[in-house]
Amino acid sequence: CGGTPNPNNTRFVPYPEEAQVLGLVNAFRSQARACGAQ
């Protein structure tokens, strides 16, 4: 669960801030919008 990251390890649970990104992106995707001219 801690220490120096090893590229062969995986984590069990994302950090809370990382999980918040999922919520932000999904809220963003839930509404039609313009991205630049598109």
Full PDB file with SEQRES, HELIX, SHEET, SSBOND, CRYST1, ORIGX, SCALE, CONECT and MASTER records, all heavy atoms in Angstrom:
SEQRES   1 A   38  CYS GLY GLY THR PRO ASN PRO ASN ASN THR ARG PHE VAL          
SEQRES   2 A   38  PRO TYR PRO GLU GLU ALA GLN VAL LEU GLY LEU VAL ASN          
SEQRES   3 A   38  ALA PHE ARG SER GLN ALA ARG ALA CYS GLY ALA GLN              
HELIX    1 AA1 PRO A   16  ARG A   29  1                                  14    
CRYST1    1.000    1.000    1.000  90.00  90.00  90.00 P 1           1          
ORIGX1      1.000000  0.000000  0.000000        0.00000                         
ORIGX2      0.000000  1.000000  0.000000        0.00000                         
ORIGX3      0.000000  0.000000  1.000000        0.00000                         
SCALE1      1.000000  0.000000  0.000000        0.00000                         
SCALE2      0.000000  1.000000  0.000000        0.00000                         
SCALE3      0.000000  0.000000  1.000000        0.00000                         
ATOM      1  N   CYS A   1       0.795  -1.230   0.000  1.00  0.00           N  
ATOM      2  CA  CYS A   1       0.000   0.000   0.000  1.00  0.00           C  
ATOM      3  C   CYS A   1       0.824   1.275   0.000  1.00  0.00           C  
ATOM      4  O   CYS A   1       0.269   2.355  -0.119  1.00  0.00           O  
ATOM      5  CB  CYS A   1      -0.918   0.012   1.228  1.00  0.00           C  
ATOM      6  SG  CYS A   1      -2.139  -1.289   1.200  1.00  0.00           S  
ATOM      7  N   GLY A   2       2.103   1.199   0.139  1.00  0.00           N  
ATOM      8  CA  GLY A   2       2.874   2.437   0.207  1.00  0.00           C  
ATOM      9  C   GLY A   2       4.304   2.203  -0.181  1.00  0.00           C  
ATOM     10  O   GLY A   2       4.647   1.225  -0.809  1.00  0.00           O  
ATOM     11  N   GLY A   3       5.145   3.130   0.190  1.00  0.00           N  
ATOM     12  CA  GLY A   3       6.559   3.002  -0.111  1.00  0.00           C  
ATOM     13  C   GLY A   3       6.863   3.423  -1.524  1.00  0.00           C  
ATOM     14  O   GLY A   3       6.079   4.093  -2.181  1.00  0.00           O  
ATOM     15  N   THR A   4       8.018   2.992  -1.996  1.00  0.00           N  
ATOM     16  CA  THR A   4       8.448   3.347  -3.336  1.00  0.00           C  
ATOM     17  C   THR A   4       7.643   2.570  -4.354  1.00  0.00           C  
ATOM     18  O   THR A   4       7.562   1.354  -4.279  1.00  0.00           O  
ATOM     19  CB  THR A   4       9.950   3.033  -3.507  1.00  0.00           C  
ATOM     20  OG1 THR A   4      10.651   3.745  -2.504  1.00  0.00           O  
ATOM     21  CG2 THR A   4      10.435   3.448  -4.870  1.00  0.00           C  
ATOM     22  N   PRO A   5       7.026   3.243  -5.329  1.00  0.00           N  
ATOM     23  CA  PRO A   5       6.229   2.539  -6.321  1.00  0.00           C  
ATOM     24  C   PRO A   5       7.096   1.581  -7.139  1.00  0.00           C  
ATOM     25  O   PRO A   5       8.210   1.901  -7.512  1.00  0.00           O  
ATOM     26  CB  PRO A   5       5.686   3.663  -7.209  1.00  0.00           C  
ATOM     27  CG  PRO A   5       5.790   4.883  -6.374  1.00  0.00           C  
ATOM     28  CD  PRO A   5       6.966   4.675  -5.471  1.00  0.00           C  
ATOM     29  N   ASN A   6       6.565   0.420  -7.378  1.00  0.00           N  
ATOM     30  CA  ASN A   6       7.214  -0.585  -8.212  1.00  0.00           C  
ATOM     31  C   ASN A   6       6.339  -0.761  -9.440  1.00  0.00           C  
ATOM     32  O   ASN A   6       5.143  -0.998  -9.306  1.00  0.00           O  
ATOM     33  CB  ASN A   6       7.312  -1.891  -7.420  1.00  0.00           C  
ATOM     34  CG  ASN A   6       7.874  -3.032  -8.223  1.00  0.00           C  
ATOM     35  OD1 ASN A   6       7.840  -3.039  -9.448  1.00  0.00           O  
ATOM     36  ND2 ASN A   6       8.392  -4.022  -7.516  1.00  0.00           N  
ATOM     37  N   PRO A   7       6.878  -0.678 -10.648  1.00  0.00           N  
ATOM     38  CA  PRO A   7       6.065  -0.769 -11.851  1.00  0.00           C  
ATOM     39  C   PRO A   7       5.263  -2.059 -11.957  1.00  0.00           C  
ATOM     40  O   PRO A   7       4.323  -2.140 -12.719  1.00  0.00           O  
ATOM     41  CB  PRO A   7       7.071  -0.665 -12.992  1.00  0.00           C  
ATOM     42  CG  PRO A   7       8.272  -0.046 -12.399  1.00  0.00           C  
ATOM     43  CD  PRO A   7       8.271  -0.399 -10.947  1.00  0.00           C  
ATOM     44  N   ASN A   8       5.611  -3.075 -11.173  1.00  0.00           N  
ATOM     45  CA  ASN A   8       4.856  -4.329 -11.220  1.00  0.00           C  
ATOM     46  C   ASN A   8       3.705  -4.352 -10.223  1.00  0.00           C  
ATOM     47  O   ASN A   8       2.912  -5.271 -10.221  1.00  0.00           O  
ATOM     48  CB  ASN A   8       5.798  -5.508 -10.958  1.00  0.00           C  
ATOM     49  CG  ASN A   8       6.848  -5.604 -12.042  1.00  0.00           C  
ATOM     50  OD1 ASN A   8       6.542  -5.419 -13.204  1.00  0.00           O  
ATOM     51  ND2 ASN A   8       8.076  -5.862 -11.653  1.00  0.00           N  
ATOM     52  N   ASN A   9       3.640  -3.354  -9.352  1.00  0.00           N  
ATOM     53  CA  ASN A   9       2.564  -3.281  -8.371  1.00  0.00           C  
ATOM     54  C   ASN A   9       1.325  -2.644  -8.969  1.00  0.00           C  
ATOM     55  O   ASN A   9       1.396  -1.926  -9.956  1.00  0.00           O  
ATOM     56  CB  ASN A   9       2.982  -2.450  -7.154  1.00  0.00           C  
ATOM     57  CG  ASN A   9       3.990  -3.157  -6.283  1.00  0.00           C  
ATOM     58  OD1 ASN A   9       4.151  -4.372  -6.368  1.00  0.00           O  
ATOM     59  ND2 ASN A   9       4.681  -2.407  -5.464  1.00  0.00           N  
ATOM     60  N   THR A  10       0.220  -2.893  -8.337  1.00  0.00           N  
ATOM     61  CA  THR A  10      -1.007  -2.166  -8.648  1.00  0.00           C  
ATOM     62  C   THR A  10      -1.540  -1.637  -7.325  1.00  0.00           C  
ATOM     63  O   THR A  10      -1.138  -2.084  -6.259  1.00  0.00           O  
ATOM     64  CB  THR A  10      -2.068  -3.067  -9.308  1.00  0.00           C  
ATOM     65  OG1 THR A  10      -2.362  -4.159  -8.426  1.00  0.00           O  
ATOM     66  CG2 THR A  10      -1.593  -3.601 -10.639  1.00  0.00           C  
ATOM     67  N   ARG A  11      -2.433  -0.709  -7.424  1.00  0.00           N  
ATOM     68  CA  ARG A  11      -3.055  -0.170  -6.224  1.00  0.00           C  
ATOM     69  C   ARG A  11      -4.436  -0.795  -6.089  1.00  0.00           C  
ATOM     70  O   ARG A  11      -5.046  -1.206  -7.061  1.00  0.00           O  
ATOM     71  CB  ARG A  11      -3.185   1.347  -6.342  1.00  0.00           C  
ATOM     72  CG  ARG A  11      -1.838   2.021  -6.407  1.00  0.00           C  
ATOM     73  CD  ARG A  11      -1.973   3.509  -6.519  1.00  0.00           C  
ATOM     74  NE  ARG A  11      -2.737   3.839  -7.702  1.00  0.00           N  
ATOM     75  CZ  ARG A  11      -3.385   4.981  -7.877  1.00  0.00           C  
ATOM     76  NH1 ARG A  11      -3.356   5.893  -6.969  1.00  0.00           N  
ATOM     77  NH2 ARG A  11      -4.037   5.203  -8.972  1.00  0.00           N  
ATOM     78  N   PHE A  12      -4.938  -0.818  -4.883  1.00  0.00           N  
ATOM     79  CA  PHE A  12      -6.263  -1.380  -4.656  1.00  0.00           C  
ATOM     80  C   PHE A  12      -7.360  -0.355  -4.890  1.00  0.00           C  
ATOM     81  O   PHE A  12      -8.420  -0.665  -5.382  1.00  0.00           O  
ATOM     82  CB  PHE A  12      -6.371  -1.938  -3.238  1.00  0.00           C  
ATOM     83  CG  PHE A  12      -5.403  -3.051  -2.974  1.00  0.00           C  
ATOM     84  CD1 PHE A  12      -4.296  -2.853  -2.186  1.00  0.00           C  
ATOM     85  CD2 PHE A  12      -5.585  -4.296  -3.543  1.00  0.00           C  
ATOM     86  CE1 PHE A  12      -3.402  -3.868  -1.950  1.00  0.00           C  
ATOM     87  CE2 PHE A  12      -4.694  -5.323  -3.323  1.00  0.00           C  
ATOM     88  CZ  PHE A  12      -3.599  -5.114  -2.527  1.00  0.00           C  
ATOM     89  N   VAL A  13      -7.102   0.893  -4.524  1.00  0.00           N  
ATOM     90  CA  VAL A  13      -8.119   1.938  -4.577  1.00  0.00           C  
ATOM     91  C   VAL A  13      -7.472   3.224  -5.083  1.00  0.00           C  
ATOM     92  O   VAL A  13      -6.375   3.575  -4.660  1.00  0.00           O  
ATOM     93  CB  VAL A  13      -8.699   2.192  -3.161  1.00  0.00           C  
ATOM     94  CG1 VAL A  13      -9.770   3.265  -3.193  1.00  0.00           C  
ATOM     95  CG2 VAL A  13      -9.251   0.914  -2.559  1.00  0.00           C  
ATOM     96  N   PRO A  14      -8.144   3.947  -5.983  1.00  0.00           N  
ATOM     97  CA  PRO A  14      -7.574   5.236  -6.416  1.00  0.00           C  
ATOM     98  C   PRO A  14      -7.601   6.238  -5.258  1.00  0.00           C  
ATOM     99  O   PRO A  14      -8.397   6.139  -4.340  1.00  0.00           O  
ATOM    100  CB  PRO A  14      -8.493   5.683  -7.547  1.00  0.00           C  
ATOM    101  CG  PRO A  14      -9.741   4.918  -7.383  1.00  0.00           C  
ATOM    102  CD  PRO A  14      -9.410   3.653  -6.650  1.00  0.00           C  
ATOM    103  N   TYR A  15      -6.692   7.217  -5.341  1.00  0.00           N  
ATOM    104  CA  TYR A  15      -6.740   8.318  -4.384  1.00  0.00           C  
ATOM    105  C   TYR A  15      -8.072   9.039  -4.554  1.00  0.00           C  
ATOM    106  O   TYR A  15      -8.647   9.078  -5.653  1.00  0.00           O  
ATOM    107  CB  TYR A  15      -5.605   9.307  -4.630  1.00  0.00           C  
ATOM    108  CG  TYR A  15      -4.220   8.775  -4.350  1.00  0.00           C  
ATOM    109  CD1 TYR A  15      -3.170   9.098  -5.198  1.00  0.00           C  
ATOM    110  CD2 TYR A  15      -3.938   7.993  -3.235  1.00  0.00           C  
ATOM    111  CE1 TYR A  15      -1.873   8.646  -4.942  1.00  0.00           C  
ATOM    112  CE2 TYR A  15      -2.661   7.540  -2.976  1.00  0.00           C  
ATOM    113  CZ  TYR A  15      -1.636   7.867  -3.837  1.00  0.00           C  
ATOM    114  OH  TYR A  15      -0.370   7.423  -3.585  1.00  0.00           O  
ATOM    115  N   PRO A  16      -8.581   9.674  -3.496  1.00  0.00           N  
ATOM    116  CA  PRO A  16      -9.866  10.383  -3.615  1.00  0.00           C  
ATOM    117  C   PRO A  16      -9.861  11.435  -4.723  1.00  0.00           C  
ATOM    118  O   PRO A  16     -10.852  11.597  -5.437  1.00  0.00           O  
ATOM    119  CB  PRO A  16     -10.053  11.035  -2.238  1.00  0.00           C  
ATOM    120  CG  PRO A  16      -9.180  10.261  -1.311  1.00  0.00           C  
ATOM    121  CD  PRO A  16      -8.042   9.724  -2.138  1.00  0.00           C  
ATOM    122  N   GLU A  17      -8.742  12.143  -4.888  1.00  0.00           N  
ATOM    123  CA  GLU A  17      -8.665  13.180  -5.919  1.00  0.00           C  
ATOM    124  C   GLU A  17      -8.760  12.581  -7.324  1.00  0.00           C  
ATOM    125  O   GLU A  17      -9.323  13.186  -8.226  1.00  0.00           O  
ATOM    126  CB  GLU A  17      -7.352  13.966  -5.785  1.00  0.00           C  
ATOM    127  CG  GLU A  17      -7.238  14.764  -4.509  1.00  0.00           C  
ATOM    128  CD  GLU A  17      -6.713  13.938  -3.333  1.00  0.00           C  
ATOM    129  OE1 GLU A  17      -6.543  12.706  -3.453  1.00  0.00           O  
ATOM    130  OE2 GLU A  17      -6.482  14.533  -2.269  1.00  0.00           O  
ATOM    131  N   GLU A  18      -8.205  11.393  -7.510  1.00  0.00           N  
ATOM    132  CA  GLU A  18      -8.285  10.725  -8.813  1.00  0.00           C  
ATOM    133  C   GLU A  18      -9.723  10.313  -9.103  1.00  0.00           C  
ATOM    134  O   GLU A  18     -10.219  10.500 -10.224  1.00  0.00           O  
ATOM    135  CB  GLU A  18      -7.374   9.498  -8.840  1.00  0.00           C  
ATOM    136  CG  GLU A  18      -5.908   9.833  -8.717  1.00  0.00           C  
ATOM    137  CD  GLU A  18      -5.047   8.640  -8.388  1.00  0.00           C  
ATOM    138  OE1 GLU A  18      -5.548   7.625  -7.851  1.00  0.00           O  
ATOM    139  OE2 GLU A  18      -3.841   8.726  -8.666  1.00  0.00           O  
ATOM    140  N   ALA A  19     -10.392   9.762  -8.103  1.00  0.00           N  
ATOM    141  CA  ALA A  19     -11.789   9.370  -8.274  1.00  0.00           C  
ATOM    142  C   ALA A  19     -12.667  10.592  -8.569  1.00  0.00           C  
ATOM    143  O   ALA A  19     -13.632  10.502  -9.326  1.00  0.00           O  
ATOM    144  CB  ALA A  19     -12.285   8.632  -7.031  1.00  0.00           C  
ATOM    145  N   GLN A  20     -12.304  11.740  -7.993  1.00  0.00           N  
ATOM    146  CA  GLN A  20     -13.062  12.969  -8.269  1.00  0.00           C  
ATOM    147  C   GLN A  20     -12.965  13.355  -9.740  1.00  0.00           C  
ATOM    148  O   GLN A  20     -13.906  13.919 -10.294  1.00  0.00           O  
ATOM    149  CB  GLN A  20     -12.572  14.114  -7.391  1.00  0.00           C  
ATOM    150  CG  GLN A  20     -12.965  13.971  -5.944  1.00  0.00           C  
ATOM    151  CD  GLN A  20     -12.348  15.049  -5.072  1.00  0.00           C  
ATOM    152  OE1 GLN A  20     -11.699  15.975  -5.548  1.00  0.00           O  
ATOM    153  NE2 GLN A  20     -12.539  14.927  -3.769  1.00  0.00           N  
ATOM    154  N   VAL A  21     -11.837  13.055 -10.377  1.00  0.00           N  
ATOM    155  CA  VAL A  21     -11.696  13.369 -11.805  1.00  0.00           C  
ATOM    156  C   VAL A  21     -12.760  12.613 -12.607  1.00  0.00           C  
ATOM    157  O   VAL A  21     -13.363  13.178 -13.515  1.00  0.00           O  
ATOM    158  CB  VAL A  21     -10.269  13.063 -12.316  1.00  0.00           C  
ATOM    159  CG1 VAL A  21     -10.185  13.234 -13.829  1.00  0.00           C  
ATOM    160  CG2 VAL A  21      -9.255  13.968 -11.630  1.00  0.00           C  
ATOM    161  N   LEU A  22     -13.016  11.366 -12.261  1.00  0.00           N  
ATOM    162  CA  LEU A  22     -14.073  10.605 -12.942  1.00  0.00           C  
ATOM    163  C   LEU A  22     -15.413  11.323 -12.816  1.00  0.00           C  
ATOM    164  O   LEU A  22     -16.130  11.488 -13.806  1.00  0.00           O  
ATOM    165  CB  LEU A  22     -14.177   9.191 -12.381  1.00  0.00           C  
ATOM    166  CG  LEU A  22     -15.329   8.339 -12.925  1.00  0.00           C  
ATOM    167  CD1 LEU A  22     -15.160   8.067 -14.417  1.00  0.00           C  
ATOM    168  CD2 LEU A  22     -15.429   7.021 -12.145  1.00  0.00           C  
ATOM    169  N   GLY A  23     -15.751  11.785 -11.629  1.00  0.00           N  
ATOM    170  CA  GLY A  23     -17.008  12.512 -11.437  1.00  0.00           C  
ATOM    171  C   GLY A  23     -17.061  13.801 -12.235  1.00  0.00           C  
ATOM    172  O   GLY A  23     -18.099  14.131 -12.829  1.00  0.00           O  
ATOM    173  N   LEU A  24     -15.948  14.524 -12.277  1.00  0.00           N  
ATOM    174  CA  LEU A  24     -15.903  15.777 -13.040  1.00  0.00           C  
ATOM    175  C   LEU A  24     -16.079  15.516 -14.532  1.00  0.00           C  
ATOM    176  O   LEU A  24     -16.827  16.223 -15.214  1.00  0.00           O  
ATOM    177  CB  LEU A  24     -14.580  16.500 -12.785  1.00  0.00           C  
ATOM    178  CG  LEU A  24     -14.380  17.064 -11.381  1.00  0.00           C  
ATOM    179  CD1 LEU A  24     -12.928  17.468 -11.154  1.00  0.00           C  
ATOM    180  CD2 LEU A  24     -15.317  18.249 -11.160  1.00  0.00           C  
ATOM    181  N   VAL A  25     -15.393  14.494 -15.036  1.00  0.00           N  
ATOM    182  CA  VAL A  25     -15.499  14.178 -16.464  1.00  0.00           C  
ATOM    183  C   VAL A  25     -16.909  13.710 -16.798  1.00  0.00           C  
ATOM    184  O   VAL A  25     -17.488  14.132 -17.806  1.00  0.00           O  
ATOM    185  CB  VAL A  25     -14.440  13.131 -16.882  1.00  0.00           C  
ATOM    186  CG1 VAL A  25     -14.672  12.660 -18.313  1.00  0.00           C  
ATOM    187  CG2 VAL A  25     -13.036  13.705 -16.740  1.00  0.00           C  
ATOM    188  N   ASN A  26     -17.490  12.865 -15.970  1.00  0.00           N  
ATOM    189  CA  ASN A  26     -18.844  12.380 -16.259  1.00  0.00           C  
ATOM    190  C   ASN A  26     -19.875  13.498 -16.182  1.00  0.00           C  
ATOM    191  O   ASN A  26     -20.813  13.541 -16.988  1.00  0.00           O  
ATOM    192  CB  ASN A  26     -19.204  11.199 -15.358  1.00  0.00           C  
ATOM    193  CG  ASN A  26     -18.565   9.920 -15.841  1.00  0.00           C  
ATOM    194  OD1 ASN A  26     -18.231   9.781 -17.020  1.00  0.00           O  
ATOM    195  ND2 ASN A  26     -18.404   8.967 -14.947  1.00  0.00           N  
ATOM    196  N   ALA A  27     -19.726  14.423 -15.246  1.00  0.00           N  
ATOM    197  CA  ALA A  27     -20.635  15.585 -15.195  1.00  0.00           C  
ATOM    198  C   ALA A  27     -20.455  16.428 -16.454  1.00  0.00           C  
ATOM    199  O   ALA A  27     -21.434  16.914 -17.032  1.00  0.00           O  
ATOM    200  CB  ALA A  27     -20.365  16.415 -13.938  1.00  0.00           C  
ATOM    201  N   PHE A  28     -19.228  16.593 -16.900  1.00  0.00           N  
ATOM    202  CA  PHE A  28     -18.914  17.351 -18.115  1.00  0.00           C  
ATOM    203  C   PHE A  28     -19.565  16.695 -19.332  1.00  0.00           C  
ATOM    204  O   PHE A  28     -20.174  17.361 -20.162  1.00  0.00           O  
ATOM    205  CB  PHE A  28     -17.387  17.377 -18.262  1.00  0.00           C  
ATOM    206  CG  PHE A  28     -16.852  18.288 -19.324  1.00  0.00           C  
ATOM    207  CD1 PHE A  28     -16.815  19.655 -19.143  1.00  0.00           C  
ATOM    208  CD2 PHE A  28     -16.330  17.770 -20.499  1.00  0.00           C  
ATOM    209  CE1 PHE A  28     -16.276  20.498 -20.107  1.00  0.00           C  
ATOM    210  CE2 PHE A  28     -15.786  18.598 -21.461  1.00  0.00           C  
ATOM    211  CZ  PHE A  28     -15.766  19.966 -21.269  1.00  0.00           C  
ATOM    212  N   ARG A  29     -19.444  15.373 -19.428  1.00  0.00           N  
ATOM    213  CA  ARG A  29     -20.001  14.630 -20.566  1.00  0.00           C  
ATOM    214  C   ARG A  29     -21.535  14.600 -20.566  1.00  0.00           C  
ATOM    215  O   ARG A  29     -22.146  14.339 -21.597  1.00  0.00           O  
ATOM    216  CB  ARG A  29     -19.491  13.184 -20.551  1.00  0.00           C  
ATOM    217  CG  ARG A  29     -18.048  13.054 -20.957  1.00  0.00           C  
ATOM    218  CD  ARG A  29     -17.514  11.646 -20.713  1.00  0.00           C  
ATOM    219  NE  ARG A  29     -18.157  10.601 -21.477  1.00  0.00           N  
ATOM    220  CZ  ARG A  29     -17.688  10.090 -22.619  1.00  0.00           C  
ATOM    221  NH1 ARG A  29     -16.563  10.562 -23.131  1.00  0.00           N  
ATOM    222  NH2 ARG A  29     -18.331   9.111 -23.226  1.00  0.00           N  
ATOM    223  N   SER A  30     -22.145  14.859 -19.436  1.00  0.00           N  
ATOM    224  CA  SER A  30     -23.597  14.728 -19.329  1.00  0.00           C  
ATOM    225  C   SER A  30     -24.369  15.848 -20.029  1.00  0.00           C  
ATOM    226  O   SER A  30     -25.589  15.758 -20.150  1.00  0.00           O  
ATOM    227  CB  SER A  30     -24.020  14.667 -17.857  1.00  0.00           C  
ATOM    228  OG  SER A  30     -23.876  15.932 -17.236  1.00  0.00           O  
ATOM    229  N   GLN A  31     -23.662  16.866 -20.502  1.00  0.00           N  
ATOM    230  CA  GLN A  31     -24.321  17.990 -21.166  1.00  0.00           C  
ATOM    231  C   GLN A  31     -23.678  18.245 -22.521  1.00  0.00           C  
ATOM    232  O   GLN A  31     -22.463  18.149 -22.672  1.00  0.00           O  
ATOM    233  CB  GLN A  31     -24.192  19.256 -20.321  1.00  0.00           C  
ATOM    234  CG  GLN A  31     -24.854  19.154 -18.978  1.00  0.00           C  
ATOM    235  CD  GLN A  31     -24.660  20.420 -18.172  1.00  0.00           C  
ATOM    236  OE1 GLN A  31     -24.387  21.489 -18.713  1.00  0.00           O  
ATOM    237  NE2 GLN A  31     -24.807  20.319 -16.865  1.00  0.00           N  
ATOM    238  N   ALA A  32     -24.518  18.596 -23.500  1.00  0.00           N  
ATOM    239  CA  ALA A  32     -23.995  18.989 -24.809  1.00  0.00           C  
ATOM    240  C   ALA A  32     -23.135  20.229 -24.631  1.00  0.00           C  
ATOM    241  O   ALA A  32     -23.402  21.062 -23.754  1.00  0.00           O  
ATOM    242  CB  ALA A  32     -25.151  19.266 -25.767  1.00  0.00           C  
ATOM    243  N   ARG A  33     -22.087  20.338 -25.455  1.00  0.00           N  
ATOM    244  CA  ARG A  33     -21.219  21.508 -25.322  1.00  0.00           C  
ATOM    245  C   ARG A  33     -20.383  21.711 -26.565  1.00  0.00           C  
ATOM    246  O   ARG A  33     -20.264  20.822 -27.400  1.00  0.00           O  
ATOM    247  CB  ARG A  33     -20.340  21.417 -24.093  1.00  0.00           C  
ATOM    248  CG  ARG A  33     -19.305  20.350 -24.105  1.00  0.00           C  
ATOM    249  CD  ARG A  33     -18.525  20.270 -22.794  1.00  0.00           C  
ATOM    250  NE  ARG A  33     -19.355  19.887 -21.673  1.00  0.00           N  
ATOM    251  CZ  ARG A  33     -19.718  20.720 -20.683  1.00  0.00           C  
ATOM    252  NH1 ARG A  33     -19.313  21.959 -20.665  1.00  0.00           N  
ATOM    253  NH2 ARG A  33     -20.483  20.305 -19.711  1.00  0.00           N  
ATOM    254  N   ALA A  34     -19.801  22.896 -26.635  1.00  0.00           N  
ATOM    255  CA  ALA A  34     -18.867  23.228 -27.714  1.00  0.00           C  
ATOM    256  C   ALA A  34     -17.452  23.075 -27.181  1.00  0.00           C  
ATOM    257  O   ALA A  34     -17.140  23.499 -26.071  1.00  0.00           O  
ATOM    258  CB  ALA A  34     -19.099  24.649 -28.200  1.00  0.00           C  
ATOM    259  N   CYS A  35     -16.612  22.462 -27.995  1.00  0.00           N  
ATOM    260  CA  CYS A  35     -15.178  22.370 -27.712  1.00  0.00           C  
ATOM    261  C   CYS A  35     -14.492  23.097 -28.855  1.00  0.00           C  
ATOM    262  O   CYS A  35     -14.366  22.549 -29.956  1.00  0.00           O  
ATOM    263  CB  CYS A  35     -14.729  20.911 -27.638  1.00  0.00           C  
ATOM    264  SG  CYS A  35     -15.512  19.975 -26.308  1.00  0.00           S  
ATOM    265  N   GLY A  36     -14.108  24.343 -28.609  1.00  0.00           N  
ATOM    266  CA  GLY A  36     -13.625  25.178 -29.698  1.00  0.00           C  
ATOM    267  C   GLY A  36     -14.793  25.415 -30.646  1.00  0.00           C  
ATOM    268  O   GLY A  36     -15.880  25.790 -30.228  1.00  0.00           O  
ATOM    269  N   ALA A  37     -14.600  25.149 -31.933  1.00  0.00           N  
ATOM    270  CA  ALA A  37     -15.658  25.333 -32.930  1.00  0.00           C  
ATOM    271  C   ALA A  37     -16.513  24.090 -33.119  1.00  0.00           C  
ATOM    272  O   ALA A  37     -17.473  24.102 -33.877  1.00  0.00           O  
ATOM    273  CB  ALA A  37     -15.033  25.728 -34.269  1.00  0.00           C  
ATOM    274  N   GLN A  38     -16.165  23.009 -32.437  1.00  0.00           N  
ATOM    275  CA  GLN A  38     -16.849  21.729 -32.621  1.00  0.00           C  
ATOM    276  C   GLN A  38     -17.949  21.543 -31.569  1.00  0.00           C  
ATOM    277  O   GLN A  38     -17.725  21.751 -30.379  1.00  0.00           O  
ATOM    278  CB  GLN A  38     -15.811  20.608 -32.508  1.00  0.00           C  
ATOM    279  CG  GLN A  38     -16.223  19.319 -33.122  1.00  0.00           C  
ATOM    280  CD  GLN A  38     -15.050  18.324 -33.124  1.00  0.00           C  
ATOM    281  OE1 GLN A  38     -13.973  18.606 -32.620  1.00  0.00           O  
ATOM    282  NE2 GLN A  38     -15.294  17.164 -33.694  1.00  0.00           N  
TER     283      GLN A  38                                                      
MASTER        0    0    0    1    0    0    0    6  282    1    0    3          
END                                                                             
